[in-house]
C-alpha atoms as a PDB file:
ATOM      1  CA  MET A   1    -117.118  16.237 116.483  1.00  0.00           C
ATOM      2  CA  PRO A   2    -113.558  17.631 117.014  1.00  0.00           C
ATOM      3  CA  GLU A   3    -110.705  15.146 117.309  1.00  0.00           C
ATOM      4  CA  ASN A   4    -109.400  14.706 120.869  1.00  0.00           C
ATOM      5  CA  LYS A   5    -105.756  15.850 120.647  1.00  0.00           C
ATOM      6  CA  SER A   6    -103.180  14.356 122.978  1.00  0.00           C
ATOM      7  CA  PRO A   7    -101.049  16.777 125.010  1.00  0.00           C
ATOM      8  CA  PHE A   8     -98.051  14.572 124.170  1.00  0.00           C
ATOM      9  CA  LYS A   9     -95.986  14.046 121.049  1.00  0.00           C
ATOM     10  CA  ILE A  10     -94.670  10.483 120.845  1.00  0.00           C
ATOM     11  CA  SER A  11     -91.830   9.378 118.581  1.00  0.00           C
ATOM     12  CA  VAL A  12     -90.942   5.707 118.170  1.00  0.00           C
ATOM     13  CA  ARG A  13     -87.747   4.089 116.901  1.00  0.00           C
ATOM     14  CA  LEU A  14     -88.298   0.480 115.855  1.00  0.00           C
ATOM     15  CA  ILE A  15     -85.530  -1.915 116.841  1.00  0.00           C
ATOM     16  CA  GLU A  16     -84.902  -5.199 115.069  1.00  0.00           C
ATOM     17  CA  SER A  17     -82.414  -6.821 117.412  1.00  0.00           C
ATOM     18  CA  GLY A  18     -83.829 -10.307 117.749  1.00  0.00           C
ATOM     19  CA  SER A  19     -84.337  -9.650 121.463  1.00  0.00           C
ATOM     20  CA  SER A  20     -87.491  -8.771 123.367  1.00  0.00           C
ATOM     21  CA  LEU A  21     -86.781  -5.051 122.810  1.00  0.00           C
ATOM     22  CA  LEU A  22     -89.072  -3.960 119.960  1.00  0.00           C
ATOM     23  CA  GLY A  23     -88.535  -0.228 120.069  1.00  0.00           C
ATOM     24  CA  LYS A  24     -87.772   2.935 122.000  1.00  0.00           C
ATOM     25  CA  ALA A  25     -90.176   5.828 122.497  1.00  0.00           C
ATOM     26  CA  ASP A  26     -89.666   9.454 123.428  1.00  0.00           C
ATOM     27  CA  VAL A  27     -92.503  11.487 124.948  1.00  0.00           C
ATOM     28  CA  GLN A  28     -92.609  15.244 124.565  1.00  0.00           C
ATOM     29  CA  GLY A  29     -95.082  17.300 126.580  1.00  0.00           C
ATOM     30  CA  ALA A  30     -95.650  20.984 127.265  1.00  0.00           C
ATOM     31  CA  LYS A  31     -93.703  20.845 130.526  1.00  0.00           C
ATOM     32  CA  MET A  32     -91.493  17.774 130.209  1.00  0.00           C
ATOM     33  CA  ASN A  33     -89.698  15.387 127.886  1.00  0.00           C
ATOM     34  CA  ILE A  34     -89.061  11.779 128.817  1.00  0.00           C
ATOM     35  CA  ASN A  35     -86.790   9.838 126.498  1.00  0.00           C
ATOM     36  CA  SER A  36     -86.137   6.148 126.077  1.00  0.00           C
ATOM     37  CA  PHE A  37     -89.262   4.275 127.131  1.00  0.00           C
ATOM     38  CA  SER A  38     -88.769   0.645 126.063  1.00  0.00           C
ATOM     39  CA  ILE A  39     -91.398  -1.232 124.073  1.00  0.00           C
ATOM     40  CA  MET A  40     -91.011  -4.880 125.006  1.00  0.00           C
ATOM     41  CA  ALA A  41     -92.339  -8.138 123.549  1.00  0.00           C
ATOM     42  CA  ARG A  42     -94.012 -10.636 125.839  1.00  0.00           C
ATOM     43  CA  LYS A  43     -92.962 -14.264 125.792  1.00  0.00           C
ATOM     44  CA  ASP A  44     -96.592 -15.449 125.914  1.00  0.00           C
ATOM     45  CA  GLY A  45     -97.562 -13.800 122.605  1.00  0.00           C
ATOM     46  CA  LYS A  46     -99.712 -11.112 124.239  1.00  0.00           C
ATOM     47  CA  PRO A  47     -99.434  -7.476 123.058  1.00  0.00           C
ATOM     48  CA  PRO A  48     -96.207  -5.609 123.868  1.00  0.00           C
ATOM     49  CA  TRP A  49     -95.745  -3.719 127.123  1.00  0.00           C
ATOM     50  CA  VAL A  50     -93.992  -0.447 127.938  1.00  0.00           C
ATOM     51  CA  SER A  51     -91.180  -0.006 130.445  1.00  0.00           C
ATOM     52  CA  GLU A  52     -90.244   3.371 131.889  1.00  0.00           C
ATOM     53  CA  PRO A  53     -86.673   4.527 131.192  1.00  0.00           C
ATOM     54  CA  SER A  54     -84.128   2.552 133.201  1.00  0.00           C
ATOM     55  CA  VAL A  55     -80.433   1.701 133.372  1.00  0.00           C
ATOM     56  CA  LYS A  56     -78.756  -1.652 133.929  1.00  0.00           C
ATOM     57  CA  GLN A  57     -77.258  -1.956 137.377  1.00  0.00           C
ATOM     58  CA  GLY A  58     -75.674  -5.227 138.398  1.00  0.00           C
ATOM     59  CA  SER A  59     -77.913  -8.071 137.284  1.00  0.00           C
ATOM     60  CA  GLY A  60     -81.062  -5.934 137.112  1.00  0.00           C
ATOM     61  CA  PHE A  61     -82.419  -2.582 136.036  1.00  0.00           C
ATOM     62  CA  VAL A  62     -83.115   0.607 137.988  1.00  0.00           C
ATOM     63  CA  LYS A  63     -85.809   3.018 136.796  1.00  0.00           C
ATOM     64  CA  ILE A  64     -84.525   6.514 136.124  1.00  0.00           C
ATOM     65  CA  VAL A  65     -88.090   7.739 135.622  1.00  0.00           C
ATOM     66  CA  GLU A  66     -91.040   6.372 137.541  1.00  0.00           C
ATOM     67  CA  ILE A  67     -94.560   7.566 136.836  1.00  0.00           C
ATOM     68  CA  THR A  68     -96.428   7.182 140.099  1.00  0.00           C
ATOM     69  CA  ASP A  69     -99.852   8.376 138.933  1.00  0.00           C
ATOM     70  CA  LYS A  70    -101.653   5.326 137.516  1.00  0.00           C
ATOM     71  CA  ALA A  71    -103.902   7.334 135.165  1.00  0.00           C
ATOM     72  CA  THR A  72    -100.907   9.187 133.688  1.00  0.00           C
ATOM     73  CA  LYS A  73     -98.916   5.965 133.333  1.00  0.00           C
ATOM     74  CA  ASP A  74    -101.863   4.188 131.676  1.00  0.00           C
ATOM     75  CA  THR A  75    -102.399   7.105 129.272  1.00  0.00           C
ATOM     76  CA  LEU A  76     -98.725   7.240 128.274  1.00  0.00           C
ATOM     77  CA  THR A  77     -98.596   3.468 127.829  1.00  0.00           C
ATOM     78  CA  LYS A  78    -101.669   3.559 125.577  1.00  0.00           C
ATOM     79  CA  LEU A  79    -100.287   6.443 123.491  1.00  0.00           C
ATOM     80  CA  ILE A  80     -96.844   4.820 123.162  1.00  0.00           C
ATOM     81  CA  LEU A  81     -98.350   1.517 122.014  1.00  0.00           C
ATOM     82  CA  GLU A  82    -100.601   3.340 119.515  1.00  0.00           C
ATOM     83  CA  ALA A  83     -97.534   5.160 118.128  1.00  0.00           C
ATOM     84  CA  TYR A  84     -95.648   1.840 117.978  1.00  0.00           C
ATOM     85  CA  ASN A  85     -98.493   0.212 116.035  1.00  0.00           C
ATOM     86  CA  ARG A  86     -98.555   3.171 113.600  1.00  0.00           C
ATOM     87  CA  ALA A  87     -94.767   2.867 113.124  1.00  0.00           C
ATOM     88  CA  ILE A  88     -95.166  -0.855 112.341  1.00  0.00           C
ATOM     89  CA  ALA A  89     -97.983  -0.094 109.863  1.00  0.00           C
ATOM     90  CA  ASP A  90     -95.980   2.729 108.245  1.00  0.00           C
ATOM     91  CA  ARG A  91     -92.975   0.444 107.851  1.00  0.00           C
ATOM     92  CA  GLY A  92     -95.207  -2.132 106.154  1.00  0.00           C
ATOM     93  CA  GLU A  93     -96.660   0.462 103.770  1.00  0.00           C
ATOM     94  CA  ALA A  94     -93.169   1.691 102.872  1.00  0.00           C
ATOM     95  CA  SER A  95     -92.127  -1.803 101.841  1.00  0.00           C
ATOM     96  CA  THR A  96     -95.201  -2.663  99.736  1.00  0.00           C
ATOM     97  CA  GLY A  97     -94.071  -0.862  96.582  1.00  0.00           C
ATOM     98  CA  ASN A  98     -94.204  -2.764  93.284  1.00  0.00           C
ATOM     99  CA  ASP A  99     -90.569  -3.755  92.663  1.00  0.00           C
ATOM    100  CA  SER A 100     -91.333  -5.510  89.370  1.00  0.00           C
ATOM    101  CA  GLU A 101     -91.606  -2.299  87.340  1.00  0.00           C
ATOM    102  CA  PRO A 102     -88.525  -0.316  86.387  1.00  0.00           C
ATOM    103  CA  ALA A 103     -88.116   3.011  88.188  1.00  0.00           C
ATOM    104  CA  PHE A 104     -87.624   5.366  85.238  1.00  0.00           C
END
């Protein structure tokens, strides 16, 4: 069975800031690019959530991109979180080398 390819390319930058911001994601599609989705931690320990790009204004934030179609928003959220989980796994694999042997 052929693999179902996504029409989007997602890139994730992990952020280790000690805040609830876990990463940023950029979405590239055939007819649009949307940069700077935020991947946010929840305080209750549930899986992270995704916020559309926004800017701080006063004491709050204003969305600069709002996806109004629920199916599209749900699909992008799912793909962004999958890419985030892969980035976390890749980071873990990169740091599991055996440091006890000399590198010659």
